[in-house]
Amino acid sequence: MRNSPWSAVLSATIACLARSVVALAADAPVPATKLPAAVAADLKAIADQCTEVGGTPRTGDAVKRADLNGDGKEDFVLDTGSVNCDGAASIYGDREKWVGVYAGDGKGGATSAFVGSVYGVSIEGTGSAARLWLTVSGEQCGKRPAKDFASENFCDRSILWHPATKKFDYAPVATARMIE
């Protein structure tokens, strides 16, 4: 087969496949470090809700990492709104979503430090300047509840770290950024 026309085709095919594997490996996301047990357990519970109704959970964007309390250690934000449930799209609802914030200990662990229901999650800044903003509505924005959802007021509120309690809480409502 060494001199057959097929040997050239086979060699070219193998070379092409090898290049494809190398290219795919280069484009593959670098796996993040292992999640702390508390974060992993809550993420699994969220994914299990999807699986229980016949869906396929897509959790790749559910956990965000940043130093939110300024201690130089990575903290974790678990955002249910970033979980997709293929085959059961409305499993997590179309309104507020659960969010959990965990204070990392720098040794691979983390403890729950904030839980809330929000419409959106965003992290601004990096390093010790990172700040988590949560999209909330109504009274959380310092406004009266609206008569219906279409009339609701929305705002972004950050959370602040309280070293004495080792918990996060909403920043004062006066610092909220109204969403027009």
Protein backbone atom coordinates (compact mmCIF):
# COMPACT_ATOMS: atom_id res chain seq x y z
CA MET A 1 0.00 0.00 0.00
CA ARG A 2 3.05 2.19 0.31
CA ASN A 3 2.99 3.14 -3.39
CA SER A 4 -0.77 3.05 -3.91
CA PRO A 5 -2.80 6.18 -4.56
CA TRP A 6 -4.69 5.42 -1.34
CA SER A 7 -1.58 5.85 0.80
CA ALA A 8 -1.36 9.51 -0.19
CA VAL A 9 -5.08 9.99 0.57
CA LEU A 10 -4.70 8.18 3.90
CA SER A 11 -1.64 10.25 4.84
CA ALA A 12 -3.42 13.49 3.93
CA THR A 13 -6.51 12.45 5.92
CA ILE A 14 -4.45 11.59 9.00
CA ALA A 15 -2.57 14.89 8.75
CA CYS A 16 -5.86 16.80 8.42
CA LEU A 17 -7.35 15.01 11.43
CA ALA A 18 -4.23 15.71 13.49
CA ARG A 19 -4.43 19.43 12.64
CA SER A 20 -8.13 19.46 13.54
CA VAL A 21 -7.47 17.86 16.93
CA VAL A 22 -4.73 20.39 17.65
CA ALA A 23 -7.00 23.26 16.60
CA LEU A 24 -9.87 22.00 18.73
CA ALA A 25 -7.59 21.60 21.72
CA ALA A 26 -6.36 25.17 21.28
CA ASP A 27 -9.96 26.49 21.16
CA ALA A 28 -11.17 24.42 24.12
CA PRO A 29 -11.85 26.46 27.23
CA VAL A 30 -9.32 26.10 29.98
CA PRO A 31 -11.08 24.35 32.85
CA ALA A 32 -11.52 26.55 35.90
CA THR A 33 -10.27 25.43 39.23
CA LYS A 34 -12.48 23.04 41.13
CA LEU A 35 -15.51 24.64 42.75
CA PRO A 36 -15.76 24.71 46.54
CA ALA A 37 -18.06 22.00 47.91
CA ALA A 38 -20.82 24.45 48.94
CA VAL A 39 -20.92 26.05 45.47
CA ALA A 40 -20.74 22.69 43.68
CA ALA A 41 -23.57 21.27 45.81
CA ASP A 42 -25.88 24.22 45.10
CA LEU A 43 -25.02 24.15 41.39
CA LYS A 44 -25.79 20.43 41.30
CA ALA A 45 -29.17 21.02 42.99
CA ILE A 46 -30.03 23.64 40.35
CA ALA A 47 -28.94 21.32 37.52
CA ASP A 48 -30.90 18.42 39.07
CA GLN A 49 -34.12 20.48 38.85
CA CYS A 50 -33.59 20.65 35.10
CA THR A 51 -32.74 16.97 34.77
CA GLU A 52 -35.81 15.94 36.82
CA VAL A 53 -38.14 17.46 34.22
CA GLY A 54 -36.30 15.88 31.29
CA GLY A 55 -34.08 18.82 30.41
CA THR A 56 -30.35 19.02 29.85
CA PRO A 57 -28.67 21.56 32.14
CA ARG A 58 -26.06 23.91 30.66
CA THR A 59 -24.22 25.37 33.64
CA GLY A 60 -21.00 26.65 32.06
CA ASP A 61 -21.84 30.33 32.70
CA ALA A 62 -23.57 29.87 36.08
CA VAL A 63 -20.59 30.55 38.35
CA LYS A 64 -18.73 33.84 38.24
CA ARG A 65 -15.51 34.43 40.20
CA ALA A 66 -14.17 37.67 41.65
CA ASP A 67 -12.72 39.05 44.87
CA LEU A 68 -15.88 40.77 46.07
CA ASN A 69 -14.91 41.37 49.70
CA GLY A 70 -11.40 42.74 49.08
CA ASP A 71 -9.52 40.03 50.99
CA GLY A 72 -7.47 38.92 47.98
CA LYS A 73 -9.32 35.57 47.79
CA GLU A 74 -11.63 34.44 45.03
CA ASP A 75 -15.35 34.64 45.86
CA PHE A 76 -18.09 32.91 43.90
CA VAL A 77 -21.45 34.04 42.48
CA LEU A 78 -23.91 31.30 41.52
CA ASP A 79 -26.47 32.79 39.13
CA THR A 80 -29.47 30.61 38.29
CA GLY A 81 -30.33 33.08 35.53
CA SER A 82 -27.21 31.94 33.67
CA VAL A 83 -28.27 28.28 33.68
CA ASN A 84 -29.97 27.07 30.52
CA CYS A 85 -32.22 24.04 30.69
CA ASP A 86 -32.39 22.65 27.15
CA GLY A 87 -35.72 20.93 26.61
CA ALA A 88 -37.41 22.64 29.58
CA ALA A 89 -36.74 26.34 29.00
CA SER A 90 -39.16 27.72 31.56
CA ILE A 91 -38.00 25.52 34.44
CA TYR A 92 -36.39 28.50 36.21
CA GLY A 93 -39.20 30.91 35.40
CA ASP A 94 -39.23 34.11 33.42
CA ARG A 95 -38.90 36.59 36.26
CA GLU A 96 -36.62 36.71 39.30
CA LYS A 97 -33.89 34.10 39.63
CA TRP A 98 -32.03 32.82 42.67
CA VAL A 99 -28.48 34.07 43.21
CA GLY A 100 -26.01 32.95 45.85
CA VAL A 101 -22.72 34.61 46.81
CA TYR A 102 -20.03 32.61 48.58
CA ALA A 103 -16.99 34.03 50.36
CA GLY A 104 -13.92 32.03 49.35
CA ASP A 105 -11.39 31.05 52.00
CA GLY A 106 -8.38 30.82 49.67
CA LYS A 107 -7.94 27.11 50.48
CA GLY A 108 -10.54 25.67 48.10
CA GLY A 109 -13.56 26.24 50.34
CA ALA A 110 -16.30 28.85 50.50
CA THR A 111 -19.25 29.70 52.71
CA SER A 112 -22.61 31.15 51.77
CA ALA A 113 -22.57 34.90 52.40
CA PHE A 114 -25.64 36.19 50.51
CA VAL A 115 -28.79 34.78 48.94
CA GLY A 116 -31.37 36.71 46.96
CA SER A 117 -33.84 36.78 44.08
CA VAL A 118 -32.77 39.04 41.23
CA TYR A 119 -33.42 39.78 37.57
CA GLY A 120 -29.77 40.02 36.57
CA VAL A 121 -26.18 39.77 37.78
CA SER A 122 -23.09 41.67 36.66
CA ILE A 123 -19.59 42.12 38.00
CA GLU A 124 -17.76 45.37 37.34
CA GLY A 125 -14.06 45.86 37.92
CA THR A 126 -11.30 43.41 38.75
CA GLY A 127 -9.15 42.47 41.70
CA SER A 128 -10.11 44.04 45.01
CA ALA A 129 -12.07 46.69 43.05
CA ALA A 130 -14.56 44.09 41.76
CA ARG A 131 -18.16 44.91 42.56
CA LEU A 132 -21.28 42.77 42.15
CA TRP A 133 -24.40 44.54 40.89
CA LEU A 134 -27.79 42.85 41.15
CA THR A 135 -30.84 43.91 39.14
CA VAL A 136 -33.85 44.18 41.45
CA SER A 137 -37.21 45.95 41.40
CA GLY A 138 -39.80 47.91 43.38
CA GLU A 139 -39.06 48.38 47.07
CA GLN A 140 -35.47 47.14 46.60
CA CYS A 141 -35.05 50.27 44.44
CA GLY A 142 -36.73 52.54 47.00
CA LYS A 143 -39.94 52.66 44.96
CA ARG A 144 -43.49 51.56 45.70
CA PRO A 145 -44.52 48.24 44.19
CA ALA A 146 -46.06 48.71 40.76
CA LYS A 147 -49.64 47.72 40.00
CA ASP A 148 -48.36 45.27 37.35
CA PHE A 149 -45.07 43.91 36.08
CA ALA A 150 -45.07 46.10 32.96
CA SER A 151 -45.08 49.20 35.20
CA GLU A 152 -42.38 47.96 37.59
CA ASN A 153 -39.29 50.04 38.42
CA PHE A 154 -35.93 48.29 38.05
CA CYS A 155 -32.49 49.21 39.34
CA ASP A 156 -29.03 47.78 39.87
CA ARG A 157 -27.84 47.57 43.47
CA SER A 158 -24.42 46.52 44.60
CA ILE A 159 -23.69 44.42 47.64
CA LEU A 160 -21.30 45.31 50.44
CA TRP A 161 -19.18 43.06 52.66
CA HIS A 162 -19.64 43.23 56.42
CA PRO A 163 -16.48 41.80 58.05
CA ALA A 164 -18.09 41.44 61.49
CA THR A 165 -20.84 39.12 60.20
CA LYS A 166 -18.85 37.72 57.26
CA LYS A 167 -21.90 38.35 55.08
CA PHE A 168 -22.83 40.55 52.14
CA ASP A 169 -25.88 42.78 52.13
CA TYR A 170 -27.34 45.31 49.72
CA ALA A 171 -25.62 48.69 49.61
CA PRO A 172 -27.86 51.60 50.66
CA VAL A 173 -30.75 52.19 48.28
CA ALA A 174 -29.42 55.72 47.67
CA THR A 175 -26.56 54.11 45.70
CA ALA A 176 -28.92 52.20 43.38
CA ARG A 177 -28.67 52.89 39.66
CA MET A 178 -32.17 53.17 38.20
CA ILE A 179 -32.74 51.37 34.91
CA GLU A 180 -34.70 53.57 32.55
